[in-house]
Amino acid sequence: MSLAEHLKACIKTEGPLPLELFLEKVMTTTQDSYYAEANRFGKDGDFITAPEISQLFGEILAAFQAWLWELSGSPDANEMIIFEAGPGRGTLFEDMHRSWRQICPQMAAAPVTFLETSPYLRNVLTSRFSGLDIHLAKTADNLPEVPLFGVANEFF
């Protein structure tokens, strides 16, 4: 069933769709949704974001979060979580992680949770960061109750 047919069927059975549900469906939930199978980022995609332009963006965010880590009492890697909402291909995280390895090894060693609903992008992230303690989530409902150092670039 195409995305258009899927939306028509949902509207026919459920009535008008709330904007949140409509966006979820057109962005991630069906085979022909926007992020389902294609690489949408960078010069060969449909748009570009700051992390795709320069690694400096991620380096600055990593330095800021390392400062927040210090202000938070310098928790050990197993006492915190790194979190990114809408990580796309993981370019921002990769730049931040590279910086943390140099300036804050505890953050580089902490478990990471990516809030990503696209099956295509979840596979990209799993492959790209196979050597790290990576967790994939579809919601932020069940994050552990530990210090969270997060970023949500262009997510909201």
N, C-alpha and C. Protein backbone atom coordinates (compact mmCIF):
# COMPACT_ATOMS: atom_id res chain seq x y z
N MET A 1 0.85 -1.17 0.00
CA MET A 1 0.00 0.00 0.00
C MET A 1 0.91 1.25 0.00
N SER A 2 0.65 2.17 -0.89
CA SER A 2 1.44 3.39 -0.96
C SER A 2 1.15 4.28 0.25
N LEU A 3 1.99 5.25 0.47
CA LEU A 3 1.80 6.19 1.57
C LEU A 3 0.46 6.92 1.42
N ALA A 4 0.15 7.38 0.22
CA ALA A 4 -1.11 8.08 -0.01
C ALA A 4 -2.31 7.17 0.31
N GLU A 5 -2.26 5.92 -0.16
CA GLU A 5 -3.34 4.99 0.13
C GLU A 5 -3.45 4.71 1.62
N HIS A 6 -2.30 4.58 2.28
CA HIS A 6 -2.28 4.35 3.73
C HIS A 6 -2.93 5.52 4.48
N LEU A 7 -2.58 6.75 4.10
CA LEU A 7 -3.15 7.93 4.75
C LEU A 7 -4.66 8.01 4.51
N LYS A 8 -5.09 7.74 3.27
CA LYS A 8 -6.53 7.76 2.96
C LYS A 8 -7.28 6.74 3.81
N ALA A 9 -6.72 5.54 3.94
CA ALA A 9 -7.37 4.50 4.74
C ALA A 9 -7.45 4.89 6.21
N CYS A 10 -6.39 5.49 6.73
CA CYS A 10 -6.39 5.94 8.13
C CYS A 10 -7.45 7.01 8.35
N ILE A 11 -7.52 7.96 7.45
CA ILE A 11 -8.50 9.05 7.58
C ILE A 11 -9.91 8.50 7.45
N LYS A 12 -10.10 7.55 6.55
CA LYS A 12 -11.43 6.97 6.36
C LYS A 12 -11.89 6.22 7.61
N THR A 13 -10.98 5.48 8.25
CA THR A 13 -11.38 4.69 9.42
C THR A 13 -11.31 5.46 10.73
N GLU A 14 -10.36 6.40 10.85
CA GLU A 14 -10.13 7.08 12.12
C GLU A 14 -10.57 8.54 12.12
N GLY A 15 -10.90 9.07 10.96
CA GLY A 15 -11.24 10.48 10.87
C GLY A 15 -9.98 11.32 10.71
N PRO A 16 -10.12 12.64 10.86
CA PRO A 16 -8.97 13.52 10.68
C PRO A 16 -7.80 13.10 11.58
N LEU A 17 -6.60 13.19 11.01
CA LEU A 17 -5.40 12.82 11.76
C LEU A 17 -4.81 14.04 12.47
N PRO A 18 -4.44 13.90 13.73
CA PRO A 18 -3.71 14.98 14.38
C PRO A 18 -2.39 15.21 13.65
N LEU A 19 -1.90 16.42 13.65
CA LEU A 19 -0.67 16.76 12.93
C LEU A 19 0.49 15.85 13.34
N GLU A 20 0.63 15.58 14.62
CA GLU A 20 1.71 14.73 15.11
C GLU A 20 1.67 13.35 14.46
N LEU A 21 0.50 12.75 14.37
CA LEU A 21 0.34 11.43 13.77
C LEU A 21 0.58 11.48 12.26
N PHE A 22 0.08 12.51 11.62
CA PHE A 22 0.31 12.68 10.18
C PHE A 22 1.81 12.76 9.88
N LEU A 23 2.53 13.60 10.63
CA LEU A 23 3.96 13.75 10.40
C LEU A 23 4.71 12.45 10.66
N GLU A 24 4.33 11.74 11.70
CA GLU A 24 4.96 10.45 11.99
C GLU A 24 4.79 9.50 10.81
N LYS A 25 3.61 9.45 10.26
CA LYS A 25 3.34 8.54 9.15
C LYS A 25 4.10 8.94 7.88
N VAL A 26 4.11 10.21 7.54
CA VAL A 26 4.77 10.61 6.29
C VAL A 26 6.28 10.63 6.41
N MET A 27 6.79 10.71 7.63
CA MET A 27 8.24 10.77 7.78
C MET A 27 8.88 9.40 7.98
N THR A 28 8.21 8.46 8.67
CA THR A 28 8.95 7.26 9.06
C THR A 28 8.22 5.94 8.99
N THR A 29 6.91 5.89 8.95
CA THR A 29 6.26 4.62 9.25
C THR A 29 5.92 3.72 8.08
N THR A 30 5.98 4.19 6.87
CA THR A 30 5.63 3.32 5.74
C THR A 30 6.82 3.16 4.80
N GLN A 31 6.72 2.20 3.90
CA GLN A 31 7.81 1.91 2.98
C GLN A 31 8.24 3.11 2.14
N ASP A 32 7.29 3.94 1.73
CA ASP A 32 7.66 5.08 0.90
C ASP A 32 7.63 6.40 1.67
N SER A 33 7.76 6.32 2.98
CA SER A 33 7.83 7.55 3.77
C SER A 33 9.19 8.23 3.55
N TYR A 34 9.29 9.45 3.97
CA TYR A 34 10.45 10.28 3.64
C TYR A 34 11.78 9.67 4.05
N TYR A 35 11.87 9.17 5.28
CA TYR A 35 13.14 8.62 5.78
C TYR A 35 13.22 7.10 5.71
N ALA A 36 12.29 6.46 5.04
CA ALA A 36 12.22 4.99 5.07
C ALA A 36 13.46 4.30 4.50
N GLU A 37 13.91 4.71 3.35
CA GLU A 37 14.99 3.97 2.71
C GLU A 37 16.09 4.84 2.12
N ALA A 38 15.88 6.11 2.00
CA ALA A 38 16.83 6.94 1.27
C ALA A 38 17.71 7.77 2.20
N ASN A 39 18.86 8.11 1.67
CA ASN A 39 19.75 9.01 2.37
C ASN A 39 19.36 10.43 1.97
N ARG A 40 18.75 11.16 2.87
CA ARG A 40 18.22 12.49 2.57
C ARG A 40 19.18 13.63 2.89
N PHE A 41 20.34 13.32 3.46
CA PHE A 41 21.24 14.35 3.98
C PHE A 41 22.40 14.65 3.04
N GLY A 42 22.94 15.83 3.17
CA GLY A 42 24.17 16.17 2.47
C GLY A 42 23.97 16.64 1.05
N LYS A 43 25.08 16.79 0.35
CA LYS A 43 25.03 17.35 -1.01
C LYS A 43 24.25 16.48 -1.99
N ASP A 44 24.15 15.19 -1.73
CA ASP A 44 23.39 14.31 -2.61
C ASP A 44 21.95 14.10 -2.14
N GLY A 45 21.58 14.71 -1.01
CA GLY A 45 20.24 14.54 -0.46
C GLY A 45 19.38 15.76 -0.73
N ASP A 46 18.35 15.91 0.09
CA ASP A 46 17.39 17.00 -0.07
C ASP A 46 17.72 18.23 0.77
N PHE A 47 18.53 18.05 1.80
CA PHE A 47 18.86 19.18 2.66
C PHE A 47 20.19 18.92 3.35
N ILE A 48 20.70 19.95 3.98
CA ILE A 48 21.97 19.83 4.70
C ILE A 48 21.81 20.55 6.03
N THR A 49 22.46 20.02 7.05
CA THR A 49 22.41 20.62 8.38
C THR A 49 23.81 21.00 8.81
N ALA A 50 23.92 21.77 9.87
CA ALA A 50 25.22 22.25 10.35
C ALA A 50 26.26 21.14 10.52
N PRO A 51 25.92 19.99 11.11
CA PRO A 51 26.94 18.95 11.25
C PRO A 51 27.47 18.43 9.92
N GLU A 52 26.65 18.50 8.88
CA GLU A 52 27.08 18.02 7.58
C GLU A 52 27.99 19.03 6.88
N ILE A 53 27.96 20.27 7.33
CA ILE A 53 28.76 21.32 6.72
C ILE A 53 30.16 21.37 7.33
N SER A 54 30.21 21.28 8.67
CA SER A 54 31.50 21.40 9.35
C SER A 54 31.48 20.63 10.66
N GLN A 55 32.60 19.99 10.97
CA GLN A 55 32.72 19.27 12.23
C GLN A 55 32.83 20.22 13.41
N LEU A 56 33.08 21.49 13.14
CA LEU A 56 33.21 22.48 14.20
C LEU A 56 31.95 22.57 15.05
N PHE A 57 30.79 22.42 14.44
CA PHE A 57 29.53 22.47 15.18
C PHE A 57 29.51 21.40 16.27
N GLY A 58 29.84 20.17 15.93
CA GLY A 58 29.88 19.09 16.90
C GLY A 58 30.97 19.27 17.94
N GLU A 59 32.10 19.82 17.53
CA GLU A 59 33.19 20.04 18.48
C GLU A 59 32.80 21.07 19.53
N ILE A 60 32.11 22.12 19.12
CA ILE A 60 31.67 23.15 20.07
C ILE A 60 30.64 22.56 21.04
N LEU A 61 29.68 21.79 20.52
CA LEU A 61 28.69 21.16 21.40
C LEU A 61 29.36 20.18 22.35
N ALA A 62 30.35 19.44 21.89
CA ALA A 62 31.06 18.50 22.76
C ALA A 62 31.78 19.24 23.88
N ALA A 63 32.41 20.35 23.56
CA ALA A 63 33.10 21.14 24.59
C ALA A 63 32.11 21.69 25.60
N PHE A 64 30.98 22.18 25.12
CA PHE A 64 29.95 22.70 26.03
C PHE A 64 29.43 21.59 26.95
N GLN A 65 29.16 20.43 26.39
CA GLN A 65 28.66 19.33 27.21
C GLN A 65 29.73 18.81 28.18
N ALA A 66 30.99 18.84 27.79
CA ALA A 66 32.06 18.46 28.72
C ALA A 66 32.11 19.44 29.89
N TRP A 67 31.86 20.71 29.63
CA TRP A 67 31.78 21.70 30.70
C TRP A 67 30.59 21.41 31.61
N LEU A 68 29.43 21.07 31.01
CA LEU A 68 28.27 20.70 31.81
C LEU A 68 28.54 19.44 32.63
N TRP A 69 29.29 18.51 32.07
CA TRP A 69 29.67 17.30 32.78
C TRP A 69 30.47 17.65 34.04
N GLU A 70 31.41 18.58 33.90
CA GLU A 70 32.18 19.02 35.07
C GLU A 70 31.28 19.67 36.11
N LEU A 71 30.37 20.54 35.66
CA LEU A 71 29.45 21.20 36.58
C LEU A 71 28.53 20.20 37.28
N SER A 72 28.30 19.05 36.64
CA SER A 72 27.41 18.02 37.19
C SER A 72 28.11 17.08 38.15
N GLY A 73 29.35 17.39 38.49
CA GLY A 73 30.08 16.54 39.44
C GLY A 73 30.92 15.47 38.79
N SER A 74 31.14 15.54 37.49
CA SER A 74 31.98 14.59 36.75
C SER A 74 31.58 13.14 36.96
N PRO A 75 30.34 12.78 36.62
CA PRO A 75 29.92 11.39 36.82
C PRO A 75 30.74 10.42 35.97
N ASP A 76 30.88 9.19 36.48
CA ASP A 76 31.55 8.14 35.72
C ASP A 76 30.72 7.77 34.50
N ALA A 77 31.35 7.14 33.54
CA ALA A 77 30.68 6.77 32.29
C ALA A 77 29.44 5.92 32.54
N ASN A 78 29.49 5.02 33.52
CA ASN A 78 28.36 4.14 33.78
C ASN A 78 27.28 4.81 34.64
N GLU A 79 27.47 6.07 34.98
CA GLU A 79 26.51 6.81 35.80
C GLU A 79 25.78 7.88 35.00
N MET A 80 25.91 7.86 33.68
CA MET A 80 25.28 8.89 32.84
C MET A 80 24.89 8.28 31.51
N ILE A 81 24.24 9.10 30.71
CA ILE A 81 23.85 8.67 29.37
C ILE A 81 24.06 9.83 28.40
N ILE A 82 24.52 9.49 27.22
CA ILE A 82 24.59 10.44 26.11
C ILE A 82 23.32 10.20 25.29
N PHE A 83 22.67 11.27 24.89
CA PHE A 83 21.37 11.14 24.21
C PHE A 83 21.33 12.08 23.02
N GLU A 84 20.85 11.58 21.89
CA GLU A 84 20.60 12.45 20.75
C GLU A 84 19.25 12.12 20.15
N ALA A 85 18.42 13.13 20.03
CA ALA A 85 17.11 12.99 19.40
C ALA A 85 17.24 13.38 17.93
N GLY A 86 16.83 12.48 17.05
CA GLY A 86 16.90 12.74 15.61
C GLY A 86 18.32 12.78 15.10
N PRO A 87 19.12 11.73 15.34
CA PRO A 87 20.53 11.76 14.96
C PRO A 87 20.82 11.64 13.47
N GLY A 88 19.80 11.33 12.67
CA GLY A 88 20.06 11.16 11.23
C GLY A 88 21.08 10.07 11.00
N ARG A 89 22.13 10.38 10.28
CA ARG A 89 23.19 9.41 10.00
C ARG A 89 24.23 9.32 11.11
N GLY A 90 24.14 10.21 12.10
CA GLY A 90 25.08 10.18 13.21
C GLY A 90 26.28 11.09 13.05
N THR A 91 26.23 12.00 12.11
CA THR A 91 27.37 12.88 11.86
C THR A 91 27.68 13.76 13.07
N LEU A 92 26.66 14.37 13.67
CA LEU A 92 26.89 15.22 14.84
C LEU A 92 27.48 14.40 15.98
N PHE A 93 26.89 13.25 16.27
CA PHE A 93 27.42 12.41 17.35
C PHE A 93 28.86 12.01 17.08
N GLU A 94 29.17 11.64 15.86
CA GLU A 94 30.54 11.22 15.53
C GLU A 94 31.54 12.35 15.82
N ASP A 95 31.19 13.57 15.44
CA ASP A 95 32.07 14.71 15.71
C ASP A 95 32.21 14.96 17.21
N MET A 96 31.09 14.85 17.94
CA MET A 96 31.13 15.05 19.38
C MET A 96 31.95 13.94 20.05
N HIS A 97 31.73 12.72 19.65
CA HIS A 97 32.44 11.59 20.24
C HIS A 97 33.95 11.69 20.02
N ARG A 98 34.34 12.08 18.83
CA ARG A 98 35.76 12.26 18.53
C ARG A 98 36.37 13.31 19.46
N SER A 99 35.64 14.39 19.71
CA SER A 99 36.13 15.43 20.62
C SER A 99 36.19 14.93 22.05
N TRP A 100 35.16 14.22 22.49
CA TRP A 100 35.15 13.70 23.87
C TRP A 100 36.32 12.76 24.13
N ARG A 101 36.70 11.99 23.13
CA ARG A 101 37.84 11.09 23.33
C ARG A 101 39.09 11.88 23.73
N GLN A 102 39.19 13.12 23.27
CA GLN A 102 40.34 13.96 23.58
C GLN A 102 40.17 14.76 24.86
N ILE A 103 38.97 15.30 25.09
CA ILE A 103 38.79 16.24 26.20
C ILE A 103 38.02 15.69 27.40
N CYS A 104 37.27 14.61 27.23
CA CYS A 104 36.44 14.06 28.30
C CYS A 104 36.18 12.58 28.04
N PRO A 105 37.18 11.73 28.27
CA PRO A 105 37.04 10.31 27.97
C PRO A 105 35.85 9.63 28.65
N GLN A 106 35.42 10.14 29.80
CA GLN A 106 34.26 9.55 30.47
C GLN A 106 33.01 9.69 29.61
N MET A 107 32.84 10.83 28.95
CA MET A 107 31.68 11.01 28.08
C MET A 107 31.79 10.11 26.85
N ALA A 108 32.99 9.95 26.34
CA ALA A 108 33.19 9.09 25.17
C ALA A 108 32.89 7.63 25.49
N ALA A 109 33.05 7.24 26.76
CA ALA A 109 32.81 5.86 27.17
C ALA A 109 31.39 5.60 27.65
N ALA A 110 30.59 6.64 27.80
CA ALA A 110 29.22 6.49 28.32
C ALA A 110 28.32 5.83 27.30
N PRO A 111 27.29 5.12 27.76
CA PRO A 111 26.31 4.56 26.83
C PRO A 111 25.57 5.67 26.10
N VAL A 112 25.16 5.37 24.87
CA VAL A 112 24.50 6.35 24.01
C VAL A 112 23.12 5.84 23.64
N THR A 113 22.13 6.72 23.73
CA THR A 113 20.80 6.39 23.24
C THR A 113 20.44 7.36 22.13
N PHE A 114 20.08 6.80 20.99
CA PHE A 114 19.60 7.58 19.86
C PHE A 114 18.08 7.44 19.79
N LEU A 115 17.38 8.56 19.76
CA LEU A 115 15.94 8.56 19.54
C LEU A 115 15.73 8.67 18.03
N GLU A 116 15.46 7.54 17.40
CA GLU A 116 15.32 7.49 15.94
C GLU A 116 14.24 6.48 15.59
N THR A 117 13.28 6.89 14.77
CA THR A 117 12.19 6.00 14.40
C THR A 117 12.33 5.39 13.01
N SER A 118 13.14 5.98 12.17
CA SER A 118 13.31 5.47 10.81
C SER A 118 14.08 4.15 10.81
N PRO A 119 13.48 3.07 10.28
CA PRO A 119 14.22 1.81 10.19
C PRO A 119 15.51 1.95 9.38
N TYR A 120 15.46 2.71 8.31
CA TYR A 120 16.66 2.92 7.49
C TYR A 120 17.77 3.58 8.31
N LEU A 121 17.44 4.67 9.01
CA LEU A 121 18.46 5.39 9.78
C LEU A 121 18.91 4.59 11.00
N ARG A 122 18.03 3.80 11.59
CA ARG A 122 18.42 2.94 12.72
C ARG A 122 19.48 1.95 12.25
N ASN A 123 19.33 1.40 11.05
CA ASN A 123 20.34 0.48 10.51
C ASN A 123 21.65 1.20 10.24
N VAL A 124 21.57 2.42 9.71
CA VAL A 124 22.78 3.22 9.46
C VAL A 124 23.53 3.44 10.77
N LEU A 125 22.81 3.85 11.82
CA LEU A 125 23.43 4.12 13.11
C LEU A 125 24.05 2.88 13.73
N THR A 126 23.32 1.77 13.67
CA THR A 126 23.83 0.52 14.23
C THR A 126 25.12 0.09 13.54
N SER A 127 25.17 0.22 12.24
CA SER A 127 26.37 -0.14 11.48
C SER A 127 27.51 0.83 11.75
N ARG A 128 27.22 2.09 11.74
CA ARG A 128 28.25 3.12 11.87
C ARG A 128 28.93 3.08 13.24
N PHE A 129 28.17 2.76 14.28
CA PHE A 129 28.71 2.80 15.64
C PHE A 129 28.70 1.43 16.30
N SER A 130 28.99 0.41 15.54
CA SER A 130 28.90 -0.97 16.03
C SER A 130 29.83 -1.25 17.21
N GLY A 131 30.90 -0.53 17.37
CA GLY A 131 31.83 -0.78 18.47
C GLY A 131 31.49 -0.05 19.76
N LEU A 132 30.44 0.75 19.76
CA LEU A 132 30.07 1.53 20.94
C LEU A 132 28.83 0.94 21.62
N ASP A 133 28.60 1.37 22.85
CA ASP A 133 27.41 0.94 23.62
C ASP A 133 26.23 1.81 23.18
N ILE A 134 25.60 1.40 22.08
CA ILE A 134 24.53 2.18 21.45
C ILE A 134 23.18 1.53 21.73
N HIS A 135 22.20 2.36 22.07
CA HIS A 135 20.82 1.92 22.26
C HIS A 135 19.94 2.76 21.35
N LEU A 136 18.96 2.13 20.74
CA LEU A 136 18.02 2.83 19.87
C LEU A 136 16.67 2.89 20.56
N ALA A 137 16.05 4.05 20.51
CA ALA A 137 14.74 4.23 21.12
C ALA A 137 13.81 4.90 20.12
N LYS A 138 12.53 4.59 20.23
CA LYS A 138 11.52 5.24 19.38
C LYS A 138 10.80 6.34 20.14
N THR A 139 10.95 6.35 21.47
CA THR A 139 10.40 7.42 22.31
C THR A 139 11.41 7.69 23.42
N ALA A 140 11.22 8.77 24.12
CA ALA A 140 12.09 9.10 25.26
C ALA A 140 11.44 8.69 26.57
N ASP A 141 10.42 7.86 26.51
CA ASP A 141 9.64 7.50 27.69
C ASP A 141 10.40 6.68 28.72
N ASN A 142 11.32 5.83 28.30
CA ASN A 142 11.95 4.90 29.24
C ASN A 142 13.45 5.10 29.40
N LEU A 143 13.89 6.34 29.33
CA LEU A 143 15.32 6.60 29.53
C LEU A 143 15.67 6.35 30.98
N PRO A 144 16.89 5.87 31.25
CA PRO A 144 17.29 5.64 32.65
C PRO A 144 17.33 6.96 33.43
N GLU A 145 17.11 6.86 34.71
CA GLU A 145 17.12 8.05 35.57
C GLU A 145 18.54 8.32 36.07
N VAL A 146 19.36 8.78 35.15
CA VAL A 146 20.75 9.15 35.43
C VAL A 146 21.01 10.48 34.73
N PRO A 147 22.11 11.16 35.06
CA PRO A 147 22.41 12.39 34.32
C PRO A 147 22.43 12.13 32.81
N LEU A 148 21.74 12.98 32.09
CA LEU A 148 21.60 12.84 30.65
C LEU A 148 22.24 14.06 29.99
N PHE A 149 23.14 13.80 29.07
CA PHE A 149 23.77 14.86 28.30
C PHE A 149 23.28 14.69 26.87
N GLY A 150 22.37 15.58 26.47
CA GLY A 150 21.69 15.36 25.22
C GLY A 150 21.73 16.53 24.28
N VAL A 151 21.39 16.21 23.04
CA VAL A 151 21.29 17.20 21.98
C VAL A 151 20.15 16.79 21.06
N ALA A 152 19.51 17.80 20.48
CA ALA A 152 18.40 17.54 19.55
C ALA A 152 18.48 18.58 18.44
N ASN A 153 19.50 18.51 17.63
CA ASN A 153 19.70 19.46 16.55
C ASN A 153 18.62 19.29 15.49
N GLU A 154 17.87 20.35 15.24
CA GLU A 154 16.82 20.37 14.22
C GLU A 154 15.77 19.29 14.42
N PHE A 155 15.57 18.87 15.64
CA PHE A 155 14.59 17.82 15.94
C PHE A 155 13.22 18.38 16.22
N PHE A 156 13.15 19.47 16.95
CA PHE A 156 11.86 20.02 17.38
C PHE A 156 11.29 20.97 16.37
